[in-house]
Amino acid sequence: DLPEVQLPEAEAEAPPAAEALASEAPALSLAEVMAAPVQPINPPAQNVPVSLLPPPADEEPVDEELREVFIEEAGEVLE
């Protein structure tokens, strides 16, 4: 058997500070809420990393044979 526990009574009324805040703030209409500016949650990127851009026009193309050798060697290292 567990002993009885006495819990404090919770206040049914809101604290006076919350009442003061609620009375000071005027109620907003739906149109006012929708018209208010909002910070974007996930804004589009402003800076694009260089790795996503195509190579410069004057850059030499990657040697395909060298690329294949690199991929094979990297695969062996990962194994």
N, C-alpha and C. Protein backbone atom coordinates (compact mmCIF):
# COMPACT_ATOMS: atom_id res chain seq x y z
N ASP A 1 0.84 -1.19 0.00
CA ASP A 1 0.00 0.00 0.00
C ASP A 1 0.88 1.25 0.00
N LEU A 2 0.42 2.23 -0.75
CA LEU A 2 1.14 3.50 -0.81
C LEU A 2 0.47 4.51 0.11
N PRO A 3 1.25 5.37 0.74
CA PRO A 3 0.63 6.37 1.61
C PRO A 3 -0.09 7.43 0.77
N GLU A 4 -1.10 8.05 1.38
CA GLU A 4 -1.85 9.09 0.68
C GLU A 4 -0.96 10.32 0.52
N VAL A 5 -1.07 10.96 -0.62
CA VAL A 5 -0.27 12.15 -0.91
C VAL A 5 -1.19 13.35 -0.96
N GLN A 6 -0.78 14.42 -0.29
CA GLN A 6 -1.56 15.66 -0.31
C GLN A 6 -0.98 16.58 -1.37
N LEU A 7 -1.78 16.92 -2.38
CA LEU A 7 -1.34 17.82 -3.43
C LEU A 7 -1.90 19.21 -3.18
N PRO A 8 -1.13 20.26 -3.50
CA PRO A 8 -1.67 21.61 -3.32
C PRO A 8 -2.79 21.87 -4.33
N GLU A 9 -3.72 22.71 -3.93
CA GLU A 9 -4.84 23.06 -4.80
C GLU A 9 -4.36 24.02 -5.88
N ALA A 10 -4.74 23.77 -7.12
CA ALA A 10 -4.39 24.66 -8.22
C ALA A 10 -5.37 25.83 -8.25
N GLU A 11 -4.84 27.01 -8.61
CA GLU A 11 -5.71 28.18 -8.69
C GLU A 11 -6.60 28.07 -9.91
N ALA A 12 -7.88 28.32 -9.74
CA ALA A 12 -8.82 28.25 -10.85
C ALA A 12 -8.78 29.54 -11.68
N GLU A 13 -8.36 30.64 -11.05
CA GLU A 13 -8.33 31.93 -11.74
C GLU A 13 -6.97 32.15 -12.39
N ALA A 14 -6.96 32.98 -13.44
CA ALA A 14 -5.70 33.34 -14.08
C ALA A 14 -4.96 34.31 -13.18
N PRO A 15 -3.64 34.29 -13.20
CA PRO A 15 -2.88 35.24 -12.38
C PRO A 15 -3.19 36.68 -12.80
N PRO A 16 -3.07 37.64 -11.88
CA PRO A 16 -3.40 39.04 -12.21
C PRO A 16 -2.59 39.59 -13.39
N ALA A 17 -1.34 39.18 -13.55
CA ALA A 17 -0.51 39.68 -14.65
C ALA A 17 -1.10 39.26 -16.00
N ALA A 18 -1.60 38.04 -16.09
CA ALA A 18 -2.19 37.57 -17.34
C ALA A 18 -3.47 38.33 -17.64
N GLU A 19 -4.24 38.64 -16.60
CA GLU A 19 -5.47 39.41 -16.81
C GLU A 19 -5.15 40.81 -17.32
N ALA A 20 -4.10 41.43 -16.78
CA ALA A 20 -3.73 42.77 -17.20
C ALA A 20 -3.29 42.77 -18.66
N LEU A 21 -2.53 41.77 -19.06
CA LEU A 21 -2.08 41.68 -20.45
C LEU A 21 -3.26 41.46 -21.38
N ALA A 22 -4.20 40.63 -20.98
CA ALA A 22 -5.35 40.33 -21.83
C ALA A 22 -6.23 41.56 -21.99
N SER A 23 -6.36 42.37 -20.93
CA SER A 23 -7.23 43.54 -21.03
C SER A 23 -6.57 44.66 -21.83
N GLU A 24 -5.23 44.75 -21.84
CA GLU A 24 -4.52 45.80 -22.57
C GLU A 24 -4.48 45.53 -24.07
N ALA A 25 -4.38 44.27 -24.49
CA ALA A 25 -4.24 43.95 -25.91
C ALA A 25 -5.62 43.94 -26.56
N PRO A 26 -5.81 44.79 -27.59
CA PRO A 26 -7.11 44.77 -28.28
C PRO A 26 -7.25 43.50 -29.12
N ALA A 27 -8.47 43.04 -29.26
CA ALA A 27 -8.72 41.85 -30.06
C ALA A 27 -8.49 42.17 -31.54
N LEU A 28 -7.76 41.31 -32.24
CA LEU A 28 -7.48 41.52 -33.66
C LEU A 28 -8.48 40.76 -34.50
N SER A 29 -8.87 41.37 -35.60
CA SER A 29 -9.77 40.67 -36.52
C SER A 29 -8.95 39.71 -37.37
N LEU A 30 -9.63 38.80 -38.03
CA LEU A 30 -8.95 37.84 -38.90
C LEU A 30 -8.20 38.57 -40.01
N ALA A 31 -8.79 39.61 -40.56
CA ALA A 31 -8.15 40.38 -41.64
C ALA A 31 -6.86 41.03 -41.15
N GLU A 32 -6.87 41.55 -39.90
CA GLU A 32 -5.66 42.19 -39.35
C GLU A 32 -4.56 41.16 -39.12
N VAL A 33 -4.94 39.99 -38.64
CA VAL A 33 -3.95 38.93 -38.40
C VAL A 33 -3.34 38.48 -39.72
N MET A 34 -4.17 38.28 -40.75
CA MET A 34 -3.67 37.82 -42.04
C MET A 34 -2.84 38.89 -42.75
N ALA A 35 -3.10 40.18 -42.49
CA ALA A 35 -2.38 41.26 -43.16
C ALA A 35 -1.04 41.56 -42.49
N ALA A 36 -0.83 41.08 -41.28
CA ALA A 36 0.40 41.38 -40.55
C ALA A 36 1.58 40.67 -41.21
N PRO A 37 2.72 41.38 -41.35
CA PRO A 37 3.90 40.74 -41.95
C PRO A 37 4.44 39.64 -41.03
N VAL A 38 4.96 38.60 -41.63
CA VAL A 38 5.47 37.45 -40.88
C VAL A 38 6.86 37.12 -41.40
N GLN A 39 7.74 36.72 -40.49
CA GLN A 39 9.07 36.27 -40.90
C GLN A 39 8.94 34.92 -41.59
N PRO A 40 9.60 34.71 -42.72
CA PRO A 40 9.51 33.39 -43.38
C PRO A 40 10.16 32.32 -42.52
N ILE A 41 9.53 31.16 -42.46
CA ILE A 41 10.04 30.06 -41.65
C ILE A 41 11.29 29.47 -42.29
N ASN A 42 11.26 29.27 -43.59
CA ASN A 42 12.40 28.70 -44.29
C ASN A 42 12.64 29.54 -45.55
N PRO A 43 13.34 30.67 -45.39
CA PRO A 43 13.52 31.56 -46.55
C PRO A 43 14.40 30.91 -47.61
N PRO A 44 14.26 31.33 -48.86
CA PRO A 44 15.12 30.77 -49.91
C PRO A 44 16.57 31.16 -49.67
N ALA A 45 17.46 30.35 -50.15
CA ALA A 45 18.89 30.59 -49.95
C ALA A 45 19.31 31.86 -50.68
N GLN A 46 20.12 32.67 -50.03
CA GLN A 46 20.62 33.89 -50.64
C GLN A 46 21.95 33.65 -51.33
N ASN A 47 22.74 32.73 -50.81
CA ASN A 47 24.06 32.43 -51.38
C ASN A 47 24.06 31.00 -51.90
N VAL A 48 24.48 30.82 -53.13
CA VAL A 48 24.55 29.49 -53.73
C VAL A 48 25.98 28.99 -53.61
N PRO A 49 26.21 27.81 -53.04
CA PRO A 49 27.57 27.28 -52.94
C PRO A 49 28.18 27.10 -54.33
N VAL A 50 29.49 27.29 -54.42
CA VAL A 50 30.19 27.18 -55.70
C VAL A 50 30.05 25.79 -56.28
N SER A 51 29.95 24.75 -55.43
CA SER A 51 29.90 23.38 -55.93
C SER A 51 28.65 23.10 -56.75
N LEU A 52 27.59 23.88 -56.58
CA LEU A 52 26.36 23.64 -57.32
C LEU A 52 26.35 24.35 -58.67
N LEU A 53 27.29 25.25 -58.86
CA LEU A 53 27.34 26.00 -60.11
C LEU A 53 28.10 25.22 -61.17
N PRO A 54 27.78 25.42 -62.43
CA PRO A 54 28.54 24.75 -63.49
C PRO A 54 29.97 25.29 -63.52
N PRO A 55 30.92 24.50 -64.02
CA PRO A 55 32.31 24.97 -64.05
C PRO A 55 32.45 26.17 -64.99
N PRO A 56 33.44 27.01 -64.75
CA PRO A 56 33.67 28.14 -65.65
C PRO A 56 33.95 27.66 -67.07
N ALA A 57 33.63 28.49 -68.05
CA ALA A 57 33.78 28.12 -69.46
C ALA A 57 35.23 27.87 -69.83
N ASP A 58 36.17 28.56 -69.18
CA ASP A 58 37.58 28.40 -69.55
C ASP A 58 38.27 27.25 -68.81
N GLU A 59 37.54 26.53 -67.94
CA GLU A 59 38.13 25.42 -67.19
C GLU A 59 38.19 24.17 -68.06
N GLU A 60 39.30 23.42 -67.94
CA GLU A 60 39.45 22.19 -68.73
C GLU A 60 38.48 21.13 -68.21
N PRO A 61 37.90 20.32 -69.10
CA PRO A 61 36.99 19.26 -68.64
C PRO A 61 37.76 18.18 -67.88
N VAL A 62 37.05 17.46 -67.02
CA VAL A 62 37.66 16.40 -66.22
C VAL A 62 37.95 15.21 -67.12
N ASP A 63 39.15 14.64 -66.97
CA ASP A 63 39.54 13.47 -67.75
C ASP A 63 38.71 12.28 -67.27
N GLU A 64 37.95 11.66 -68.17
CA GLU A 64 37.04 10.57 -67.80
C GLU A 64 37.81 9.35 -67.27
N GLU A 65 38.97 9.04 -67.85
CA GLU A 65 39.75 7.89 -67.37
C GLU A 65 40.23 8.14 -65.94
N LEU A 66 40.71 9.34 -65.69
CA LEU A 66 41.16 9.69 -64.34
C LEU A 66 39.99 9.64 -63.35
N ARG A 67 38.82 10.06 -63.79
CA ARG A 67 37.62 10.02 -62.95
C ARG A 67 37.27 8.58 -62.59
N GLU A 68 37.30 7.67 -63.56
CA GLU A 68 36.99 6.27 -63.30
C GLU A 68 37.97 5.66 -62.32
N VAL A 69 39.27 5.95 -62.50
CA VAL A 69 40.29 5.43 -61.58
C VAL A 69 40.04 5.95 -60.18
N PHE A 70 39.72 7.22 -60.06
CA PHE A 70 39.46 7.80 -58.75
C PHE A 70 38.28 7.11 -58.07
N ILE A 71 37.20 6.88 -58.82
CA ILE A 71 36.01 6.23 -58.25
C ILE A 71 36.33 4.80 -57.81
N GLU A 72 37.13 4.07 -58.61
CA GLU A 72 37.52 2.70 -58.24
C GLU A 72 38.36 2.72 -56.96
N GLU A 73 39.34 3.62 -56.90
CA GLU A 73 40.20 3.69 -55.71
C GLU A 73 39.40 4.09 -54.47
N ALA A 74 38.49 5.02 -54.64
CA ALA A 74 37.67 5.44 -53.50
C ALA A 74 36.80 4.27 -53.02
N GLY A 75 36.28 3.47 -53.95
CA GLY A 75 35.49 2.30 -53.59
C GLY A 75 36.30 1.29 -52.81
N GLU A 76 37.56 1.09 -53.21
CA GLU A 76 38.43 0.14 -52.50
C GLU A 76 38.75 0.64 -51.10
N VAL A 77 38.95 1.94 -50.97
CA VAL A 77 39.24 2.50 -49.64
C VAL A 77 38.04 2.33 -48.72
N LEU A 78 36.85 2.52 -49.26
CA LEU A 78 35.64 2.39 -48.44
C LEU A 78 35.37 0.95 -48.02
N GLU A 79 35.84 -0.02 -48.81
CA GLU A 79 35.63 -1.43 -48.46
C GLU A 79 36.55 -1.77 -47.33
